[in-house]
Amino acid sequence: MVAQGAGQLRCRERTAVEGRAVGLIRPIVTLPLTVIKGVVRVAEAVRDQAVQKEPQNPAAIRRELERIAEAAAAGGLSEQEKTAAQQRVFHRMLRDGP
């Protein structure tokens, strides 16, 4: 019984040493991923700001109104649908305005 207990103790010691080695190696291996994650977060923040400012952009509003007019001219929208779509654009513009 004593020999079995000593074997378990050696196994625990070895596991603790291996755990410390992995603990030292992991930051070195994952450091490049941390940099990439940071770059991705910055890119997402820039994208989110651009999306928030898009409704305020006069060119974007004009493009959307032109798409609505083209769809109506092609017969894809009825007069009611066209008016409703234009009103949605105007309401969004007023809601998200400066």
Protein backbone atom coordinates (compact mmCIF):
# COMPACT_ATOMS: atom_id res chain seq x y z
CA MET A 1 0.00 0.00 0.00
CA VAL A 2 2.78 2.46 0.77
CA ALA A 3 4.39 1.93 -2.65
CA GLN A 4 1.10 2.64 -4.35
CA GLY A 5 0.72 5.89 -2.39
CA ALA A 6 4.25 6.98 -3.33
CA GLY A 7 3.52 6.30 -6.99
CA GLN A 8 0.45 8.50 -6.84
CA LEU A 9 2.52 11.25 -5.20
CA ARG A 10 5.13 11.09 -7.99
CA CYS A 11 2.35 11.23 -10.58
CA ARG A 12 0.89 14.33 -8.92
CA GLU A 13 4.30 15.99 -8.80
CA ARG A 14 4.88 15.27 -12.48
CA THR A 15 1.44 16.66 -13.35
CA ALA A 16 2.16 19.84 -11.38
CA VAL A 17 5.50 20.32 -13.16
CA GLU A 18 3.90 19.72 -16.56
CA GLY A 19 1.11 22.15 -15.67
CA ARG A 20 3.66 24.87 -14.86
CA ALA A 21 5.49 24.22 -18.12
CA VAL A 22 2.27 24.55 -20.09
CA GLY A 23 1.45 27.69 -18.10
CA LEU A 24 4.73 29.25 -19.21
CA ILE A 25 4.45 28.18 -22.85
CA ARG A 26 0.79 29.09 -23.41
CA PRO A 27 1.26 32.92 -23.30
CA ILE A 28 4.16 32.71 -25.74
CA VAL A 29 2.16 30.60 -28.19
CA THR A 30 -1.06 32.63 -27.89
CA LEU A 31 0.56 36.08 -28.07
CA PRO A 32 0.20 36.38 -31.88
CA LEU A 33 -3.48 35.48 -31.54
CA THR A 34 -3.93 38.21 -28.95
CA VAL A 35 -2.58 40.78 -31.39
CA ILE A 36 -4.90 39.51 -34.11
CA LYS A 37 -7.89 39.65 -31.74
CA GLY A 38 -7.01 43.26 -30.92
CA VAL A 39 -6.86 44.21 -34.59
CA VAL A 40 -10.20 42.50 -35.21
CA ARG A 41 -11.80 44.43 -32.31
CA VAL A 42 -10.52 47.74 -33.69
CA ALA A 43 -11.80 46.88 -37.17
CA GLU A 44 -15.21 45.96 -35.74
CA ALA A 45 -15.36 49.26 -33.83
CA VAL A 46 -14.55 51.22 -37.00
CA ARG A 47 -17.17 49.25 -38.95
CA ASP A 48 -19.80 49.87 -36.25
CA GLN A 49 -19.13 53.61 -36.32
CA ALA A 50 -19.43 53.67 -40.10
CA VAL A 51 -22.73 51.78 -39.94
CA GLN A 52 -24.06 54.22 -37.33
CA LYS A 53 -23.14 57.22 -39.46
CA GLU A 54 -24.46 55.71 -42.71
CA PRO A 55 -28.08 56.92 -42.24
CA GLN A 56 -26.76 60.50 -41.84
CA ASN A 57 -24.81 60.34 -45.08
CA PRO A 58 -26.69 62.30 -47.78
CA ALA A 59 -25.20 60.15 -50.54
CA ALA A 60 -26.48 56.97 -48.89
CA ILE A 61 -29.94 58.47 -48.51
CA ARG A 62 -29.94 59.53 -52.16
CA ARG A 63 -28.81 56.05 -53.29
CA GLU A 64 -31.56 54.39 -51.29
CA LEU A 65 -34.23 56.73 -52.68
CA GLU A 66 -32.91 56.09 -56.20
CA ARG A 67 -33.12 52.33 -55.65
CA ILE A 68 -36.71 52.71 -54.50
CA ALA A 69 -37.53 54.80 -57.58
CA GLU A 70 -35.83 52.29 -59.91
CA ALA A 71 -37.70 49.37 -58.31
CA ALA A 72 -40.99 51.24 -58.71
CA ALA A 73 -40.21 52.11 -62.34
CA ALA A 74 -39.39 48.47 -63.07
CA GLY A 75 -42.73 47.43 -61.62
CA GLY A 76 -41.26 45.78 -58.53
CA LEU A 77 -43.07 48.13 -56.16
CA SER A 78 -46.61 49.43 -56.17
CA GLU A 79 -47.24 53.14 -55.56
CA GLN A 80 -48.17 52.37 -51.92
CA GLU A 81 -45.01 50.30 -51.39
CA LYS A 82 -42.90 53.05 -52.95
CA THR A 83 -44.42 55.70 -50.69
CA ALA A 84 -44.01 53.50 -47.61
CA ALA A 85 -40.35 52.79 -48.46
CA GLN A 86 -39.65 56.49 -48.99
CA GLN A 87 -41.32 57.34 -45.69
CA ARG A 88 -39.20 54.74 -43.90
CA VAL A 89 -36.07 56.37 -45.31
CA PHE A 90 -37.23 59.84 -44.26
CA HIS A 91 -38.25 58.67 -40.77
CA ARG A 92 -34.90 56.94 -40.29
CA MET A 93 -33.12 60.07 -41.49
CA LEU A 94 -35.03 62.22 -38.99
CA ARG A 95 -34.59 59.73 -36.15
CA ASP A 96 -30.84 59.26 -36.72
CA GLY A 97 -30.16 62.86 -37.72
CA PRO A 98 -27.52 65.12 -36.17
